[in-house]
Amino acid sequence: MKSLPILSKVVSLLLTPSFPARSLSITESQLVLLVLRQQKGEFEPRQAGFVPLPSGLVTAGFDQPNINDESRFLDLLQRVADQADIRKMGSLSVALPTGSARSLVIALDSTPSSKTEMAQLVDWKIERATGYSIGDLMVSRQRLTDQNGSPHWLVGVVHQQVLAQYERLFRQLGWRAGLISPQNLGAVNWLLRSDVPDDQILVSVNGQGFDVIFVRGQEPIMVREVECPAEEVENEFYRLMVYYRDRLVPAGEVPNLSRILTIGTVADQQRFRELVSTALDRSIISLNASQLGLRLDPGMSFQQVAVAAGLSAMAW
């Protein structure tokens, strides 16, 4: 099993002493290549490239290669680098398509008596959650703060076959993936770095359903990647909010979740904010780019750049 560095403020720097400032977000529909600069505590794009992908070129899948025409994909990678005016790429952070990499929070019922037993139990939990042998996976794990005496880990998982294809194609261009991330962990960095006392929630809408990450302080406390028909999205999300309210809020306390970041359309932002407010019976702030300290060029949407910008911001 090979160790894989994933994104989080709480993750030790397993590969390099700093994260790459260049970041690439790959989805089934587009490539986004971004380099941020920081000025007076805020971020803004310094170099940016956006290239749409033809339908069927990238097929997100957890256990099989994603690129259906490697030569065409290489041409488009070079095009997005040229558009961003990056002549020598070197190391970069990469967010893989939704469904090609997974993130989860693993919890044990109690603390095992030895580190060996603990590692075995975490591996077993990962296998149960993914349905694959640990030897077939690239895994990164980071111990989180215990909850109610229960050990917790943030885990990032990519199947070896998926990662091998991306790494091979990057090498052909002289690129190196210094950090690999699921899409949702790229976006949640905006909440992890915000340093607010209240709980927060990230909702990322995708074609298969939605992802949710609950954040407490600078750590995720729950990750859920939900696949469901469009007509079931609101019901499934409301169930997660009830679970948060009843199971994740410390005993004797009231829910203090106050901010939601939704990666989706304006309509998505409104409906998820309203669902959270209804479930918790409190007012909720729906975050936008400027509230998170990101100044965007005219015509550039936060939905489009949130993941790549979140990865790039890790360099600071």
Protein backbone atom coordinates (compact mmCIF):
# COMPACT_ATOMS: atom_id res chain seq x y z
CA MET A 1 0.00 0.00 0.00
CA LYS A 2 1.41 3.35 -1.07
CA SER A 3 0.91 6.48 1.00
CA LEU A 4 -0.97 9.27 -0.75
CA PRO A 5 -0.89 12.88 0.43
CA ILE A 6 -4.34 14.48 0.52
CA LEU A 7 -5.58 17.93 1.24
CA SER A 8 -6.34 19.33 4.66
CA LYS A 9 -4.95 21.91 7.04
CA VAL A 10 -4.73 19.07 9.55
CA VAL A 11 -2.75 16.74 7.29
CA SER A 12 1.01 16.56 7.83
CA LEU A 13 3.08 17.47 4.79
CA LEU A 14 3.91 13.94 3.74
CA LEU A 15 5.59 14.69 0.45
CA THR A 16 6.95 18.23 0.34
CA PRO A 17 7.61 21.01 2.89
CA SER A 18 5.01 23.17 1.14
CA PHE A 19 2.05 22.68 -1.14
CA PRO A 20 2.38 23.62 -4.83
CA ALA A 21 0.84 26.96 -5.80
CA ARG A 22 -0.19 25.55 -9.19
CA SER A 23 -3.43 23.59 -9.05
CA LEU A 24 -5.45 21.59 -11.56
CA SER A 25 -9.07 20.57 -11.16
CA ILE A 26 -10.25 17.78 -13.46
CA THR A 27 -13.93 17.05 -13.94
CA GLU A 28 -15.82 15.22 -16.65
CA SER A 29 -16.60 18.54 -18.33
CA GLN A 30 -13.59 20.84 -17.85
CA LEU A 31 -10.00 21.45 -16.85
CA VAL A 32 -9.26 24.40 -14.55
CA LEU A 33 -5.63 25.38 -14.00
CA LEU A 34 -5.02 28.13 -11.48
CA VAL A 35 -2.28 29.97 -9.63
CA LEU A 36 -3.33 32.42 -6.92
CA ARG A 37 -1.50 35.36 -5.45
CA GLN A 38 -2.09 36.78 -2.00
CA GLN A 39 -2.38 40.51 -1.41
CA LYS A 40 -3.35 42.13 1.87
CA GLY A 41 -4.74 38.88 3.23
CA GLU A 42 -6.89 38.16 0.19
CA PHE A 43 -6.39 35.90 -2.80
CA GLU A 44 -6.86 36.58 -6.48
CA PRO A 45 -6.02 34.61 -9.63
CA ARG A 46 -2.57 35.36 -11.04
CA GLN A 47 -2.67 32.78 -13.83
CA ALA A 48 -5.72 30.87 -14.99
CA GLY A 49 -6.72 28.47 -17.73
CA PHE A 50 -10.14 27.00 -18.52
CA VAL A 51 -10.63 24.30 -21.14
CA PRO A 52 -13.94 22.48 -21.70
CA LEU A 53 -13.72 18.73 -22.25
CA PRO A 54 -15.66 16.90 -24.95
CA SER A 55 -18.33 14.55 -23.69
CA GLY A 56 -16.99 11.07 -22.94
CA LEU A 57 -13.30 12.01 -22.87
CA VAL A 58 -13.16 11.68 -19.07
CA THR A 59 -15.39 9.13 -17.38
CA ALA A 60 -15.16 9.32 -13.60
CA GLY A 61 -14.80 5.86 -12.11
CA PHE A 62 -13.26 4.60 -8.91
CA ASP A 63 -11.74 1.33 -10.07
CA GLN A 64 -10.87 1.84 -13.74
CA PRO A 65 -8.84 4.30 -15.84
CA ASN A 66 -10.71 7.56 -16.41
CA ILE A 67 -9.25 8.82 -19.70
CA ASN A 68 -10.79 7.31 -22.82
CA ASP A 69 -8.54 9.07 -25.36
CA GLU A 70 -5.14 9.70 -23.82
CA SER A 71 -3.67 11.55 -26.81
CA ARG A 72 -6.58 14.00 -26.88
CA PHE A 73 -6.41 14.48 -23.11
CA LEU A 74 -2.69 15.28 -23.32
CA ASP A 75 -3.40 17.91 -26.00
CA LEU A 76 -6.00 19.55 -23.76
CA LEU A 77 -3.70 19.49 -20.72
CA GLN A 78 -1.10 21.33 -22.79
CA ARG A 79 -3.75 23.76 -24.00
CA VAL A 80 -4.86 24.68 -20.48
CA ALA A 81 -1.21 25.21 -19.47
CA ASP A 82 -0.66 27.46 -22.50
CA GLN A 83 -3.82 29.41 -21.71
CA ALA A 84 -2.55 29.97 -18.16
CA ASP A 85 0.85 30.94 -19.58
CA ILE A 86 2.69 28.31 -17.55
CA ARG A 87 5.68 27.16 -19.58
CA LYS A 88 7.33 24.94 -16.98
CA MET A 89 4.80 23.21 -14.76
CA GLY A 90 6.88 21.12 -12.37
CA SER A 91 4.89 20.07 -9.30
CA LEU A 92 1.19 20.82 -9.00
CA SER A 93 -1.82 19.94 -6.86
CA VAL A 94 -4.51 17.90 -8.61
CA ALA A 95 -8.18 17.34 -7.78
CA LEU A 96 -9.53 14.23 -9.50
CA PRO A 97 -13.10 14.00 -10.82
CA THR A 98 -15.93 13.34 -8.39
CA GLY A 99 -16.23 9.58 -8.09
CA SER A 100 -12.58 8.91 -9.00
CA ALA A 101 -11.25 9.68 -5.52
CA ARG A 102 -13.06 9.37 -2.22
CA SER A 103 -12.80 11.03 1.16
CA LEU A 104 -14.26 9.75 4.40
CA VAL A 105 -14.03 10.07 8.15
CA ILE A 106 -13.30 6.73 9.84
CA ALA A 107 -14.35 6.21 13.47
CA LEU A 108 -13.52 3.36 15.85
CA ASP A 109 -15.82 2.39 18.70
CA SER A 110 -12.95 2.35 21.17
CA THR A 111 -9.16 2.80 21.32
CA PRO A 112 -7.29 -0.46 20.54
CA SER A 113 -4.53 -1.61 22.88
CA SER A 114 -1.74 -1.29 20.29
CA LYS A 115 -0.85 0.80 17.23
CA THR A 116 -0.75 -2.35 15.13
CA GLU A 117 -4.29 -3.32 16.08
CA MET A 118 -5.44 0.25 15.48
CA ALA A 119 -3.91 0.32 11.98
CA GLN A 120 -5.52 -3.03 11.16
CA LEU A 121 -8.93 -1.83 12.30
CA VAL A 122 -8.66 1.38 10.28
CA ASP A 123 -7.64 -0.65 7.19
CA TRP A 124 -10.62 -2.93 7.75
CA LYS A 125 -12.95 0.07 8.02
CA ILE A 126 -11.55 1.48 4.77
CA GLU A 127 -12.10 -1.84 3.02
CA ARG A 128 -15.67 -2.01 4.33
CA ALA A 129 -16.38 1.56 3.22
CA THR A 130 -14.91 1.23 -0.28
CA GLY A 131 -15.48 -2.43 -1.06
CA TYR A 132 -11.85 -2.91 -2.16
CA SER A 133 -8.80 -4.58 -0.67
CA ILE A 134 -6.42 -2.17 1.00
CA GLY A 135 -3.66 -3.47 -1.28
CA ASP A 136 -5.53 -2.14 -4.33
CA LEU A 137 -5.75 1.39 -2.94
CA MET A 138 -3.58 4.45 -2.46
CA VAL A 139 -4.53 5.71 0.99
CA SER A 140 -3.71 8.71 3.14
CA ARG A 141 -4.96 8.93 6.70
CA GLN A 142 -4.69 11.62 9.34
CA ARG A 143 -5.71 11.26 12.97
CA LEU A 144 -8.36 13.78 13.96
CA THR A 145 -9.51 14.92 17.38
CA ASP A 146 -11.31 12.12 19.22
CA GLN A 147 -15.09 12.49 19.53
CA ASN A 148 -16.73 11.15 22.70
CA GLY A 149 -13.63 9.05 23.34
CA SER A 150 -13.76 7.52 19.86
CA PRO A 151 -10.66 7.75 17.60
CA HIS A 152 -11.32 9.40 14.23
CA TRP A 153 -9.33 9.66 10.98
CA LEU A 154 -9.65 11.70 7.81
CA VAL A 155 -8.97 9.31 4.93
CA GLY A 156 -8.40 9.94 1.23
CA VAL A 157 -8.59 6.97 -1.14
CA VAL A 158 -7.72 6.48 -4.81
CA HIS A 159 -7.59 3.16 -6.65
CA GLN A 160 -4.14 2.32 -7.95
CA GLN A 161 -5.37 1.85 -11.52
CA VAL A 162 -6.92 5.31 -11.59
CA LEU A 163 -3.93 7.10 -10.13
CA ALA A 164 -1.45 5.23 -12.32
CA GLN A 165 -3.04 6.51 -15.53
CA TYR A 166 -3.06 10.14 -14.40
CA GLU A 167 0.53 9.98 -13.14
CA ARG A 168 1.73 8.40 -16.39
CA LEU A 169 0.08 11.10 -18.50
CA PHE A 170 1.46 13.87 -16.30
CA ARG A 171 4.96 12.43 -16.65
CA GLN A 172 4.69 12.63 -20.43
CA LEU A 173 4.33 16.40 -20.07
CA GLY A 174 7.02 16.68 -17.40
CA TRP A 175 4.42 17.39 -14.70
CA ARG A 176 4.37 15.88 -11.23
CA ALA A 177 1.34 15.61 -8.96
CA GLY A 178 2.74 16.77 -5.62
CA LEU A 179 -0.66 16.48 -3.99
CA ILE A 180 -3.75 14.47 -4.97
CA SER A 181 -7.19 15.43 -3.68
CA PRO A 182 -10.83 14.49 -4.12
CA GLN A 183 -12.87 17.44 -5.40
CA ASN A 184 -14.67 17.98 -2.09
CA LEU A 185 -11.47 18.28 -0.05
CA GLY A 186 -10.21 20.92 -2.45
CA ALA A 187 -13.31 23.02 -1.85
CA VAL A 188 -13.51 22.46 1.91
CA ASN A 189 -10.14 24.14 2.42
CA TRP A 190 -11.99 27.46 2.32
CA LEU A 191 -13.79 26.45 5.51
CA LEU A 192 -10.78 24.82 7.17
CA ARG A 193 -8.71 27.97 6.83
CA SER A 194 -11.48 30.36 7.98
CA ASP A 195 -10.80 29.80 11.70
CA VAL A 196 -14.33 30.49 12.98
CA PRO A 197 -15.60 29.02 16.27
CA ASP A 198 -18.95 27.78 14.91
CA ASP A 199 -19.52 24.61 12.93
CA GLN A 200 -19.69 24.97 9.14
CA ILE A 201 -20.88 22.82 6.25
CA LEU A 202 -19.74 22.33 2.66
CA VAL A 203 -22.22 21.07 0.06
CA SER A 204 -20.88 20.18 -3.39
CA VAL A 205 -23.53 19.40 -5.98
CA ASN A 206 -22.66 17.03 -8.83
CA GLY A 207 -24.40 15.05 -11.54
CA GLN A 208 -24.76 11.96 -9.33
CA GLY A 209 -26.01 13.69 -6.19
CA PHE A 210 -24.03 15.74 -3.68
CA ASP A 211 -21.16 15.65 -1.19
CA VAL A 212 -21.33 17.04 2.35
CA ILE A 213 -18.52 17.82 4.78
CA PHE A 214 -19.25 19.09 8.29
CA VAL A 215 -16.38 21.15 9.73
CA ARG A 216 -15.66 21.91 13.38
CA GLY A 217 -12.76 24.25 13.98
CA GLN A 218 -10.08 23.27 11.47
CA GLU A 219 -11.16 19.65 11.11
CA PRO A 220 -13.84 17.77 9.21
CA ILE A 221 -16.06 15.79 11.56
CA MET A 222 -18.17 13.99 8.96
CA VAL A 223 -17.92 13.37 5.22
CA ARG A 224 -20.76 11.95 3.14
CA GLU A 225 -20.76 11.35 -0.61
CA VAL A 226 -24.38 10.76 -1.60
CA GLU A 227 -25.54 9.31 -4.90
CA CYS A 228 -29.26 9.72 -5.49
CA PRO A 229 -31.80 10.85 -8.12
CA ALA A 230 -32.35 14.61 -8.37
CA GLU A 231 -35.82 14.30 -6.86
CA GLU A 232 -34.37 12.70 -3.70
CA VAL A 233 -31.59 15.24 -3.05
CA GLU A 234 -33.52 17.40 -0.59
CA ASN A 235 -34.80 14.42 1.42
CA GLU A 236 -31.36 12.83 1.62
CA PHE A 237 -29.75 16.10 2.65
CA TYR A 238 -32.37 16.78 5.31
CA ARG A 239 -31.69 13.32 6.81
CA LEU A 240 -28.01 14.23 7.10
CA MET A 241 -28.89 17.47 8.87
CA VAL A 242 -31.04 15.56 11.37
CA TYR A 243 -28.12 13.16 11.95
CA TYR A 244 -25.79 16.13 12.57
CA ARG A 245 -28.29 17.71 14.97
CA ASP A 246 -28.96 14.51 16.93
CA ARG A 247 -25.59 12.73 16.82
CA LEU A 248 -22.76 15.19 16.17
CA VAL A 249 -23.74 18.05 18.46
CA PRO A 250 -22.16 17.47 21.91
CA ALA A 251 -24.57 16.39 24.63
CA GLY A 252 -26.19 19.30 26.42
CA GLU A 253 -25.34 21.80 23.67
CA VAL A 254 -27.44 23.30 20.87
CA PRO A 255 -26.33 23.21 17.22
CA ASN A 256 -23.99 26.10 16.47
CA LEU A 257 -23.63 25.55 12.72
CA SER A 258 -23.82 29.03 11.24
CA ARG A 259 -22.23 29.00 7.76
CA ILE A 260 -22.77 26.99 4.59
CA LEU A 261 -20.62 26.94 1.46
CA THR A 262 -22.48 25.50 -1.53
CA ILE A 263 -20.65 24.64 -4.73
CA GLY A 264 -23.54 24.77 -7.18
CA THR A 265 -25.96 27.12 -8.86
CA VAL A 266 -27.58 30.14 -7.24
CA ALA A 267 -30.73 28.04 -6.82
CA ASP A 268 -28.68 25.30 -5.12
CA GLN A 269 -27.20 27.84 -2.72
CA GLN A 270 -30.64 29.08 -1.71
CA ARG A 271 -32.32 25.69 -1.26
CA PHE A 272 -29.52 24.12 0.79
CA ARG A 273 -29.27 27.19 3.02
CA GLU A 274 -33.02 27.00 3.62
CA LEU A 275 -32.86 23.27 4.37
CA VAL A 276 -30.11 23.79 6.96
CA SER A 277 -32.00 26.69 8.52
CA THR A 278 -35.19 24.62 8.74
CA ALA A 279 -33.46 21.56 10.21
CA LEU A 280 -31.63 23.56 12.87
CA ASP A 281 -34.22 26.31 13.40
CA ARG A 282 -31.66 29.09 13.10
CA SER A 283 -30.39 31.63 10.59
CA ILE A 284 -27.55 30.44 8.33
CA ILE A 285 -25.05 32.48 6.33
CA SER A 286 -24.52 31.36 2.73
CA LEU A 287 -20.89 32.08 1.88
CA ASN A 288 -19.59 33.58 -1.34
CA ALA A 289 -16.11 34.13 -2.76
CA SER A 290 -15.59 37.61 -1.33
CA GLN A 291 -16.57 36.50 2.19
CA LEU A 292 -13.89 33.81 1.95
CA GLY A 293 -11.21 36.27 0.86
CA LEU A 294 -11.15 35.41 -2.85
CA ARG A 295 -11.39 38.21 -5.44
CA LEU A 296 -12.44 36.89 -8.82
CA ASP A 297 -12.07 38.43 -12.26
CA PRO A 298 -15.28 39.49 -14.06
CA GLY A 299 -16.89 36.52 -15.73
CA MET A 300 -15.17 34.01 -13.42
CA SER A 301 -17.59 32.12 -11.17
CA PHE A 302 -16.73 30.72 -7.76
CA GLN A 303 -18.47 27.47 -8.68
CA GLN A 304 -15.99 27.09 -11.54
CA VAL A 305 -12.80 27.79 -9.58
CA ALA A 306 -13.59 26.85 -5.96
CA VAL A 307 -11.72 23.54 -5.99
CA ALA A 308 -8.62 24.66 -7.90
CA ALA A 309 -8.44 27.89 -5.90
CA GLY A 310 -8.80 25.98 -2.64
CA LEU A 311 -5.84 23.81 -3.59
CA SER A 312 -3.73 26.76 -4.70
CA ALA A 313 -4.47 28.60 -1.44
CA MET A 314 -2.82 25.74 0.45
CA ALA A 315 0.56 27.19 -0.58
CA TRP A 316 0.07 29.94 2.06
